[in-house]
C-alpha cells in the first residue's frame, strides 16, 4: 500500500533550477527517534538531504507501508515521517532520496532496524 503522508516537511530552494548557485554534493542521512518501541508506539523518521535537484523522498517499512514526499526540485530538504508498527518484531526502515541531474536520476539510500517488543 502506497500512501502519501506528510506531517512536516521543510524544503529549501524549490526553484534551484533557476538558481545560479553551484550544486551541492548529493548526500542524505536518516535518523529515528527510537530503535526500541512497543507495538503502536509512534517512531519518527528524520531524513535530511542535499543535492542539485532533490525531487523525491520515500520511506518504506517492513510491515508493507510506504510513505512518499515529492520535494519538487530543492537543493536541500528535511522530512519527518511518523510510523507505528502494530505487531512485535524487528523491522527495517529504509529511506531513499532521489536527485535529478540533467537527464539522470541519482539515488541515495539508508536503513535502520527497529525492534518492537
N, C-alpha and C. Protein backbone atom coordinates (compact mmCIF):
# COMPACT_ATOMS: atom_id res chain seq x y z
N UNK A 1 0.85 -1.16 0.00
CA UNK A 1 0.00 0.00 0.00
C UNK A 1 0.90 1.23 0.00
N UNK A 2 0.66 2.10 -0.95
CA UNK A 2 1.42 3.34 -1.03
C UNK A 2 0.54 4.47 -0.57
N UNK A 3 0.97 5.15 0.46
CA UNK A 3 0.20 6.31 0.89
C UNK A 3 1.13 7.51 0.94
N UNK A 4 0.61 8.60 0.53
CA UNK A 4 1.37 9.83 0.58
C UNK A 4 0.95 10.56 1.83
N UNK A 5 1.90 10.76 2.73
CA UNK A 5 1.61 11.35 4.02
C UNK A 5 2.70 12.34 4.36
N UNK A 6 2.31 13.47 4.83
CA UNK A 6 3.29 14.47 5.23
C UNK A 6 2.77 15.19 6.45
N UNK A 7 3.45 15.01 7.58
CA UNK A 7 3.12 15.80 8.76
C UNK A 7 3.99 17.04 8.82
N UNK A 8 5.24 16.87 8.46
CA UNK A 8 6.12 18.02 8.45
C UNK A 8 7.22 17.78 7.45
N UNK A 9 7.33 18.62 6.48
CA UNK A 9 8.46 18.57 5.56
C UNK A 9 8.89 19.99 5.29
N UNK A 10 10.16 20.20 5.36
CA UNK A 10 10.73 21.51 5.14
C UNK A 10 11.67 21.40 3.95
N UNK A 11 11.38 22.12 2.90
CA UNK A 11 12.23 22.10 1.72
C UNK A 11 12.74 23.51 1.45
N UNK A 12 14.02 23.59 1.13
CA UNK A 12 14.65 24.88 0.88
C UNK A 12 15.09 24.92 -0.58
N UNK A 13 14.85 26.03 -1.23
CA UNK A 13 15.35 26.22 -2.59
C UNK A 13 14.56 25.46 -3.62
N UNK A 14 13.24 25.52 -3.58
CA UNK A 14 12.43 24.76 -4.51
C UNK A 14 12.62 25.22 -5.95
N UNK A 15 13.19 26.36 -6.15
CA UNK A 15 13.43 26.85 -7.51
C UNK A 15 14.92 26.76 -7.85
N UNK A 16 15.57 25.71 -7.41
CA UNK A 16 17.01 25.58 -7.62
C UNK A 16 17.37 25.54 -9.09
N UNK A 17 16.43 25.11 -9.93
CA UNK A 17 16.74 25.06 -11.36
C UNK A 17 16.93 26.47 -11.92
N UNK A 18 16.42 27.49 -11.24
CA UNK A 18 16.59 28.86 -11.69
C UNK A 18 17.77 29.55 -11.02
N UNK A 19 18.38 28.88 -10.07
CA UNK A 19 19.46 29.46 -9.30
C UNK A 19 20.78 29.36 -10.05
N UNK A 20 21.66 30.34 -9.83
CA UNK A 20 22.99 30.30 -10.42
C UNK A 20 23.99 29.71 -9.44
N UNK A 21 23.54 29.24 -8.29
CA UNK A 21 24.43 28.66 -7.29
C UNK A 21 25.00 27.33 -7.79
N UNK A 22 26.19 27.04 -7.32
CA UNK A 22 26.79 25.75 -7.62
C UNK A 22 25.97 24.64 -6.96
N UNK A 23 25.84 23.49 -7.61
CA UNK A 23 25.09 22.39 -6.98
C UNK A 23 25.80 21.90 -5.72
N UNK A 24 25.00 21.50 -4.75
CA UNK A 24 25.55 20.91 -3.54
C UNK A 24 25.89 19.45 -3.82
N UNK A 25 26.91 18.90 -3.15
CA UNK A 25 27.17 17.46 -3.32
C UNK A 25 25.97 16.67 -2.82
N UNK A 26 25.60 15.63 -3.55
CA UNK A 26 24.44 14.83 -3.20
C UNK A 26 24.75 13.98 -1.98
N UNK A 27 23.95 14.16 -0.93
CA UNK A 27 24.13 13.41 0.32
C UNK A 27 22.78 13.27 1.01
N UNK A 28 22.67 12.25 1.83
CA UNK A 28 21.46 12.07 2.64
C UNK A 28 21.83 11.36 3.93
N UNK A 29 21.00 11.59 4.95
CA UNK A 29 21.16 10.89 6.23
C UNK A 29 19.78 10.59 6.77
N UNK A 30 19.74 9.63 7.67
CA UNK A 30 18.48 9.18 8.24
C UNK A 30 18.69 8.91 9.73
N UNK A 31 17.70 9.31 10.54
CA UNK A 31 17.72 9.03 11.98
C UNK A 31 16.32 8.62 12.39
N UNK A 32 16.23 7.86 13.49
CA UNK A 32 14.92 7.53 14.06
C UNK A 32 14.88 8.01 15.50
N UNK A 33 13.66 8.30 15.98
CA UNK A 33 13.52 8.81 17.34
C UNK A 33 13.81 7.75 18.39
N UNK A 34 13.60 6.48 18.03
CA UNK A 34 13.94 5.38 18.93
C UNK A 34 14.09 4.10 18.13
N UNK A 35 14.98 3.22 18.61
CA UNK A 35 15.20 1.95 17.92
C UNK A 35 14.52 0.79 18.62
N UNK A 36 13.94 1.05 19.78
CA UNK A 36 13.15 0.05 20.51
C UNK A 36 11.82 0.70 20.88
N UNK A 37 10.73 0.00 20.58
CA UNK A 37 9.41 0.56 20.83
C UNK A 37 8.43 -0.56 21.16
N UNK A 38 7.29 -0.20 21.71
CA UNK A 38 6.20 -1.14 21.94
C UNK A 38 5.26 -1.09 20.73
N UNK A 39 4.50 -2.16 20.48
CA UNK A 39 3.52 -2.11 19.39
C UNK A 39 2.60 -0.90 19.56
N UNK A 40 2.39 -0.17 18.47
CA UNK A 40 1.54 1.01 18.50
C UNK A 40 2.24 2.31 18.81
N UNK A 41 3.48 2.25 19.33
CA UNK A 41 4.25 3.48 19.59
C UNK A 41 4.63 4.16 18.28
N UNK A 42 4.55 5.47 18.24
CA UNK A 42 4.95 6.21 17.05
C UNK A 42 6.46 6.43 17.06
N UNK A 43 7.08 6.12 15.95
CA UNK A 43 8.50 6.34 15.73
C UNK A 43 8.61 7.44 14.68
N UNK A 44 9.45 8.42 14.93
CA UNK A 44 9.67 9.49 13.96
C UNK A 44 10.93 9.19 13.18
N UNK A 45 10.84 9.24 11.86
CA UNK A 45 11.97 9.01 10.98
C UNK A 45 12.34 10.36 10.37
N UNK A 46 13.57 10.81 10.59
CA UNK A 46 14.06 12.08 10.07
C UNK A 46 14.98 11.79 8.90
N UNK A 47 14.68 12.37 7.75
CA UNK A 47 15.50 12.22 6.55
C UNK A 47 15.98 13.61 6.14
N UNK A 48 17.30 13.78 6.06
CA UNK A 48 17.92 15.02 5.59
C UNK A 48 18.60 14.74 4.26
N UNK A 49 18.52 15.70 3.35
CA UNK A 49 19.20 15.51 2.06
C UNK A 49 19.62 16.86 1.49
N UNK A 50 20.62 16.77 0.60
CA UNK A 50 21.05 17.93 -0.16
C UNK A 50 21.53 17.44 -1.52
N UNK A 51 21.49 18.31 -2.49
CA UNK A 51 21.93 17.96 -3.84
C UNK A 51 21.67 19.13 -4.77
N UNK A 52 21.62 18.86 -6.04
CA UNK A 52 21.37 19.93 -7.00
C UNK A 52 19.89 20.07 -7.32
N UNK A 53 19.13 18.96 -7.18
CA UNK A 53 17.73 18.98 -7.58
C UNK A 53 17.00 17.80 -6.91
N UNK A 54 16.84 17.86 -5.59
CA UNK A 54 16.16 16.78 -4.85
C UNK A 54 14.70 16.76 -5.28
N UNK A 55 14.23 15.60 -5.78
CA UNK A 55 12.86 15.55 -6.28
C UNK A 55 11.94 14.64 -5.48
N UNK A 56 12.49 13.72 -4.68
CA UNK A 56 11.62 12.75 -4.03
C UNK A 56 12.29 12.15 -2.80
N UNK A 57 11.48 11.88 -1.77
CA UNK A 57 11.89 11.12 -0.59
C UNK A 57 10.87 10.00 -0.41
N UNK A 58 11.36 8.78 -0.19
CA UNK A 58 10.49 7.63 0.04
C UNK A 58 11.01 6.88 1.26
N UNK A 59 10.10 6.57 2.19
CA UNK A 59 10.45 5.76 3.35
C UNK A 59 9.58 4.51 3.30
N UNK A 60 10.22 3.34 3.38
CA UNK A 60 9.48 2.07 3.38
C UNK A 60 9.72 1.37 4.71
N UNK A 61 8.72 0.64 5.13
CA UNK A 61 8.73 -0.05 6.42
C UNK A 61 8.52 -1.53 6.15
N UNK A 62 9.09 -2.38 6.96
CA UNK A 62 8.98 -3.82 6.76
C UNK A 62 7.58 -4.38 6.98
N UNK A 63 6.61 -3.54 7.33
CA UNK A 63 5.25 -4.04 7.52
C UNK A 63 4.38 -3.81 6.28
N UNK A 64 5.00 -3.37 5.18
CA UNK A 64 4.27 -3.18 3.94
C UNK A 64 3.87 -1.75 3.64
N UNK A 65 4.00 -0.84 4.59
CA UNK A 65 3.65 0.56 4.35
C UNK A 65 4.81 1.31 3.70
N UNK A 66 4.44 2.34 2.95
CA UNK A 66 5.41 3.23 2.31
C UNK A 66 4.90 4.66 2.45
N UNK A 67 5.79 5.58 2.74
CA UNK A 67 5.45 6.99 2.80
C UNK A 67 6.32 7.72 1.79
N UNK A 68 5.70 8.60 1.02
CA UNK A 68 6.42 9.29 -0.05
C UNK A 68 6.16 10.79 0.02
N UNK A 69 7.19 11.57 -0.32
CA UNK A 69 7.02 13.01 -0.41
C UNK A 69 7.75 13.51 -1.65
N UNK A 70 7.03 14.14 -2.55
CA UNK A 70 7.63 14.75 -3.73
C UNK A 70 8.16 16.13 -3.33
N UNK A 71 9.46 16.30 -3.36
CA UNK A 71 10.09 17.53 -2.88
C UNK A 71 9.97 18.64 -3.91
N UNK A 72 10.12 18.34 -5.18
CA UNK A 72 9.91 19.35 -6.21
C UNK A 72 11.12 20.13 -6.64
N UNK A 73 12.31 19.59 -6.51
CA UNK A 73 13.50 20.26 -7.04
C UNK A 73 14.26 21.12 -6.06
N UNK A 74 14.32 20.74 -4.81
CA UNK A 74 15.02 21.52 -3.79
C UNK A 74 16.52 21.23 -3.79
N UNK A 75 17.30 22.19 -3.32
CA UNK A 75 18.73 21.95 -3.09
C UNK A 75 18.96 21.21 -1.79
N UNK A 76 18.07 21.41 -0.82
CA UNK A 76 18.13 20.65 0.42
C UNK A 76 16.71 20.44 0.92
N UNK A 77 16.51 19.35 1.63
CA UNK A 77 15.18 19.03 2.14
C UNK A 77 15.30 18.21 3.40
N UNK A 78 14.30 18.34 4.26
CA UNK A 78 14.23 17.57 5.50
C UNK A 78 12.80 17.09 5.64
N UNK A 79 12.65 15.82 5.92
CA UNK A 79 11.30 15.28 6.13
C UNK A 79 11.24 14.50 7.42
N UNK A 80 10.13 14.63 8.15
CA UNK A 80 9.88 13.85 9.35
C UNK A 80 8.67 12.98 9.05
N UNK A 81 8.87 11.68 9.10
CA UNK A 81 7.85 10.71 8.74
C UNK A 81 7.48 9.88 9.98
N UNK A 82 6.27 10.01 10.51
CA UNK A 82 5.86 9.20 11.67
C UNK A 82 5.35 7.84 11.22
N UNK A 83 5.63 6.82 12.04
CA UNK A 83 5.12 5.47 11.74
C UNK A 83 5.00 4.68 13.03
N UNK A 84 3.98 3.83 13.10
CA UNK A 84 3.79 2.92 14.24
C UNK A 84 3.65 1.50 13.70
N UNK A 85 4.37 0.57 14.29
CA UNK A 85 4.25 -0.84 13.94
C UNK A 85 3.22 -1.48 14.86
N UNK A 86 2.30 -2.25 14.30
CA UNK A 86 1.20 -2.82 15.08
C UNK A 86 1.58 -4.08 15.84
N UNK A 87 2.61 -4.78 15.36
CA UNK A 87 2.98 -6.06 15.98
C UNK A 87 4.44 -6.04 16.41
N UNK A 88 4.80 -7.00 17.26
CA UNK A 88 6.18 -7.14 17.71
C UNK A 88 7.04 -7.73 16.60
N UNK A 89 8.32 -7.42 16.65
CA UNK A 89 9.27 -7.95 15.68
C UNK A 89 10.38 -6.96 15.43
N UNK A 90 11.30 -7.36 14.56
CA UNK A 90 12.37 -6.46 14.13
C UNK A 90 12.03 -6.01 12.72
N UNK A 91 12.01 -4.71 12.52
CA UNK A 91 11.59 -4.13 11.25
C UNK A 91 12.70 -3.22 10.72
N UNK A 92 12.96 -3.33 9.43
CA UNK A 92 13.94 -2.45 8.79
C UNK A 92 13.19 -1.29 8.13
N UNK A 93 13.60 -0.09 8.49
CA UNK A 93 13.06 1.13 7.88
C UNK A 93 14.10 1.59 6.86
N UNK A 94 13.64 1.81 5.62
CA UNK A 94 14.53 2.22 4.54
C UNK A 94 14.11 3.59 4.01
N UNK A 95 15.09 4.45 3.77
CA UNK A 95 14.82 5.75 3.17
C UNK A 95 15.59 5.85 1.87
N UNK A 96 14.94 6.43 0.86
CA UNK A 96 15.58 6.67 -0.44
C UNK A 96 15.29 8.10 -0.86
N UNK A 97 16.33 8.81 -1.26
CA UNK A 97 16.21 10.17 -1.77
C UNK A 97 16.68 10.17 -3.21
N UNK A 98 15.94 10.87 -4.08
CA UNK A 98 16.28 10.94 -5.50
C UNK A 98 16.67 12.36 -5.87
N UNK A 99 17.79 12.47 -6.55
CA UNK A 99 18.33 13.74 -7.04
C UNK A 99 18.37 13.66 -8.57
N UNK A 100 17.89 14.69 -9.23
CA UNK A 100 17.89 14.72 -10.70
C UNK A 100 18.98 15.66 -11.19
N UNK A 101 19.84 15.14 -12.07
CA UNK A 101 20.89 15.94 -12.69
C UNK A 101 20.77 15.73 -14.19
N UNK A 102 20.45 16.81 -14.91
CA UNK A 102 20.25 16.74 -16.36
C UNK A 102 19.24 15.64 -16.66
N UNK A 103 19.63 14.65 -17.43
CA UNK A 103 18.71 13.55 -17.80
C UNK A 103 18.92 12.32 -16.93
N UNK A 104 19.64 12.44 -15.82
CA UNK A 104 19.96 11.29 -14.99
C UNK A 104 19.34 11.44 -13.60
N UNK A 105 18.96 10.30 -13.03
CA UNK A 105 18.47 10.26 -11.65
C UNK A 105 19.51 9.55 -10.80
N UNK A 106 19.82 10.14 -9.64
CA UNK A 106 20.72 9.52 -8.66
C UNK A 106 19.90 9.19 -7.43
N UNK A 107 20.19 8.06 -6.82
CA UNK A 107 19.52 7.67 -5.58
C UNK A 107 20.54 7.44 -4.48
N UNK A 108 20.19 7.85 -3.28
CA UNK A 108 20.95 7.52 -2.07
C UNK A 108 19.98 6.83 -1.13
N UNK A 109 20.46 5.81 -0.43
CA UNK A 109 19.61 5.06 0.49
C UNK A 109 20.29 4.87 1.83
N UNK A 110 19.47 4.64 2.83
CA UNK A 110 19.96 4.32 4.16
C UNK A 110 18.90 3.47 4.83
N UNK A 111 19.27 2.72 5.85
CA UNK A 111 18.29 1.91 6.58
C UNK A 111 18.69 1.78 8.05
N UNK A 112 17.67 1.58 8.87
CA UNK A 112 17.86 1.39 10.32
C UNK A 112 16.88 0.32 10.77
N UNK A 113 17.34 -0.59 11.63
CA UNK A 113 16.46 -1.61 12.20
C UNK A 113 15.84 -1.10 13.48
N UNK A 114 14.53 -1.38 13.65
CA UNK A 114 13.79 -1.01 14.83
C UNK A 114 13.23 -2.29 15.45
N UNK A 115 13.35 -2.41 16.77
CA UNK A 115 12.86 -3.59 17.49
C UNK A 115 11.56 -3.21 18.22
N UNK A 116 10.49 -3.90 17.89
CA UNK A 116 9.20 -3.66 18.52
C UNK A 116 8.93 -4.87 19.41
N UNK A 117 8.74 -4.60 20.72
CA UNK A 117 8.57 -5.69 21.67
C UNK A 117 7.52 -5.37 22.72
